[in-house]
Protein backbone atom coordinates (compact mmCIF):
# COMPACT_ATOMS: atom_id res chain seq x y z
CA UNK A 1 72.29 -24.83 47.54
CA UNK A 2 74.87 -23.54 45.22
CA UNK A 3 72.48 -23.48 42.33
CA UNK A 4 70.81 -20.37 43.92
CA UNK A 5 74.12 -18.60 43.06
CA UNK A 6 73.11 -19.17 39.40
CA UNK A 7 70.22 -16.93 40.01
CA UNK A 8 72.64 -14.32 41.29
CA UNK A 9 74.86 -14.87 38.29
CA UNK A 10 71.83 -14.61 35.85
CA UNK A 11 70.79 -11.29 37.43
CA UNK A 12 74.36 -9.96 37.14
CA UNK A 13 74.68 -11.01 33.50
CA UNK A 14 71.29 -9.54 32.42
CA UNK A 15 71.86 -6.36 34.47
CA UNK A 16 75.28 -5.70 33.15
CA UNK A 17 74.32 -6.57 29.60
CA UNK A 18 71.31 -4.29 29.53
CA UNK A 19 73.31 -1.46 31.04
CA UNK A 20 76.06 -2.00 28.44
CA UNK A 21 73.41 -1.88 25.73
CA UNK A 22 72.10 1.47 27.03
CA UNK A 23 75.54 2.96 27.31
CA UNK A 24 76.57 1.83 23.83
CA UNK A 25 73.34 2.74 22.00
CA UNK A 26 71.72 5.69 23.75
CA UNK A 27 72.73 9.19 24.68
CA UNK A 28 72.24 10.24 28.23
CA UNK A 29 68.65 11.66 28.34
CA UNK A 30 67.51 9.78 25.17
CA UNK A 31 64.23 8.14 25.61
CA UNK A 32 62.70 5.19 23.63
CA UNK A 33 59.02 4.45 23.92
CA UNK A 34 58.25 0.79 24.70
CA UNK A 35 54.58 1.10 25.72
CA UNK A 36 53.19 4.54 25.19
CA UNK A 37 52.11 6.32 28.41
CA UNK A 38 53.51 3.59 30.54
CA UNK A 39 57.02 2.11 29.87
CA UNK A 40 60.12 3.83 28.34
CA UNK A 41 63.75 3.21 28.05
CA UNK A 42 65.49 6.39 29.27
CA UNK A 43 69.23 6.66 29.49
CA UNK A 44 70.16 8.07 32.94
CA UNK A 45 73.00 8.00 35.37
CA UNK A 46 72.70 8.02 39.13
CA UNK A 47 75.63 8.63 41.51
CA UNK A 48 73.47 8.19 44.52
CA UNK A 49 71.19 5.37 45.94
CA UNK A 50 67.55 4.89 45.27
CA UNK A 51 65.85 8.10 44.08
CA UNK A 52 69.30 9.67 43.92
CA UNK A 53 69.63 10.01 47.66
CA UNK A 54 73.11 10.40 49.13
CA UNK A 55 74.51 11.51 45.79
CA UNK A 56 78.30 11.19 45.52
CA UNK A 57 78.78 9.19 48.66
CA UNK A 58 80.50 6.30 46.92
CA UNK A 59 82.61 5.23 49.91
CA UNK A 60 79.42 4.72 51.89
CA UNK A 61 77.85 2.61 49.12
CA UNK A 62 81.05 0.57 48.85
CA UNK A 63 81.12 -0.19 52.61
CA UNK A 64 77.45 -0.90 52.82
CA UNK A 65 77.54 -3.29 49.87
CA UNK A 66 80.52 -5.18 51.07
CA UNK A 67 78.88 -5.76 54.49
CA UNK A 68 75.51 -6.61 53.02
CA UNK A 69 77.00 -9.05 50.47
CA UNK A 70 78.91 -10.75 53.31
CA UNK A 71 75.86 -11.14 55.41
CA UNK A 72 73.69 -12.33 52.58
CA UNK A 73 76.30 -15.08 51.68
CA UNK A 74 76.58 -16.09 55.28
CA UNK A 75 72.79 -16.38 55.65
CA UNK A 76 72.47 -18.31 52.48
CA UNK A 77 75.13 -20.76 53.61
CA UNK A 78 74.00 -21.06 57.22
CA UNK A 79 70.27 -20.66 57.27
CA UNK A 80 68.62 -20.69 53.79
CA UNK A 81 69.32 -24.40 52.87
CA UNK A 82 66.10 -26.25 52.30
CA UNK A 83 64.08 -23.00 52.20
CA UNK A 84 63.51 -22.34 48.52
CA UNK A 85 61.65 -19.04 48.70
CA UNK A 86 64.11 -17.69 51.22
CA UNK A 87 67.07 -18.80 49.08
CA UNK A 88 65.61 -17.31 45.89
CA UNK A 89 64.94 -13.94 47.64
CA UNK A 90 68.50 -13.87 48.89
CA UNK A 91 69.90 -14.76 45.56
CA UNK A 92 67.90 -11.95 43.87
CA UNK A 93 68.95 -9.43 46.49
CA UNK A 94 72.60 -10.50 46.19
CA UNK A 95 72.45 -10.17 42.37
CA UNK A 96 70.88 -6.66 42.57
CA UNK A 97 73.36 -5.53 45.15
CA UNK A 98 76.36 -6.74 43.20
CA UNK A 99 75.03 -5.37 39.80
CA UNK A 100 74.85 -1.86 41.13
CA UNK A 101 78.12 -2.25 43.08
CA UNK A 102 79.94 -3.16 39.81
CA UNK A 103 78.66 0.05 38.28
CA UNK A 104 79.74 2.15 41.28
CA UNK A 105 83.21 0.63 41.27
CA UNK A 106 83.78 0.90 37.55
CA UNK A 107 82.01 4.14 36.73
CA UNK A 108 81.27 5.90 40.08
CA UNK A 109 77.64 5.96 38.95
CA UNK A 110 74.77 3.58 38.23
CA UNK A 111 73.20 3.21 34.82
CA UNK A 112 69.36 3.45 35.15
CA UNK A 113 67.09 3.09 32.14
CA UNK A 114 63.63 1.77 32.91
CA UNK A 115 61.09 4.53 33.31
CA UNK A 116 57.45 3.95 34.00
CA UNK A 117 54.55 6.33 34.15
CA UNK A 118 51.17 5.76 35.95
CA UNK A 119 48.86 8.63 35.00
CA UNK A 120 50.61 11.72 36.16
CA UNK A 121 53.11 9.78 38.37
CA UNK A 122 56.61 9.21 37.04
CA UNK A 123 58.16 6.35 38.94
CA UNK A 124 61.87 6.74 39.67
CA UNK A 125 64.08 5.44 36.84
CA UNK A 126 65.63 2.07 37.69
CA UNK A 127 67.52 -0.94 36.25
CA UNK A 128 67.53 -4.69 36.33
CA UNK A 129 69.60 -4.77 39.58
CA UNK A 130 67.07 -2.45 41.27
CA UNK A 131 64.22 -4.66 40.11
CA UNK A 132 65.99 -7.74 41.38
CA UNK A 133 66.49 -6.14 44.77
CA UNK A 134 62.89 -5.10 45.01
CA UNK A 135 61.47 -8.44 43.88
CA UNK A 136 63.91 -10.23 46.33
CA UNK A 137 62.78 -8.06 49.24
CA UNK A 138 59.05 -8.75 48.45
CA UNK A 139 59.78 -12.51 48.20
CA UNK A 140 61.56 -12.42 51.51
CA UNK A 141 58.61 -10.64 53.16
CA UNK A 142 56.35 -13.29 51.77
CA UNK A 143 58.64 -15.96 53.03
CA UNK A 144 58.79 -14.38 56.56
CA UNK A 145 54.95 -13.97 56.56
CA UNK A 146 54.43 -17.65 55.54
CA UNK A 147 57.07 -18.97 57.82
CA UNK A 148 55.58 -17.05 60.76
CA UNK A 149 52.10 -18.40 60.06
CA UNK A 150 53.60 -21.97 59.78
CA UNK A 151 55.49 -21.57 63.05
CA UNK A 152 52.44 -20.13 64.91
CA UNK A 153 50.30 -23.00 63.44
CA UNK A 154 52.59 -25.67 64.81
CA UNK A 155 52.88 -24.02 68.25
CA UNK A 156 49.12 -23.73 68.88
């Protein structure tokens, strides 16, 4: 069970390292093209949550993150054992939550740098922690869907 925390640690290391690289090597607002018309590194700072909502409400983010981290660790220890997909999803969510929490505590803002464009749509700028949270949530939804189908199949 504890090896799932290695996923959390890996997310934290990659997240913090990539943010450090951006801060050390790019000016705020600087953009580097990775894949033309699709993927860019764009140095940006966010002092809110996703899509910059609740800007400047650090106390709220601290409180929410502490509660969420506690709940995730409790669920991982109590209920996720033996459920690989569920454990991986929780580990990714935990790593993402902690990655952005570290930024908020140390800098009162989150370093975002991955910018994608699909046609005329510019997706909100994000980072590795955000991606980890999103993938973790999707995996959890898949787990819940599959578990629900399995449960209904055994109760029929």
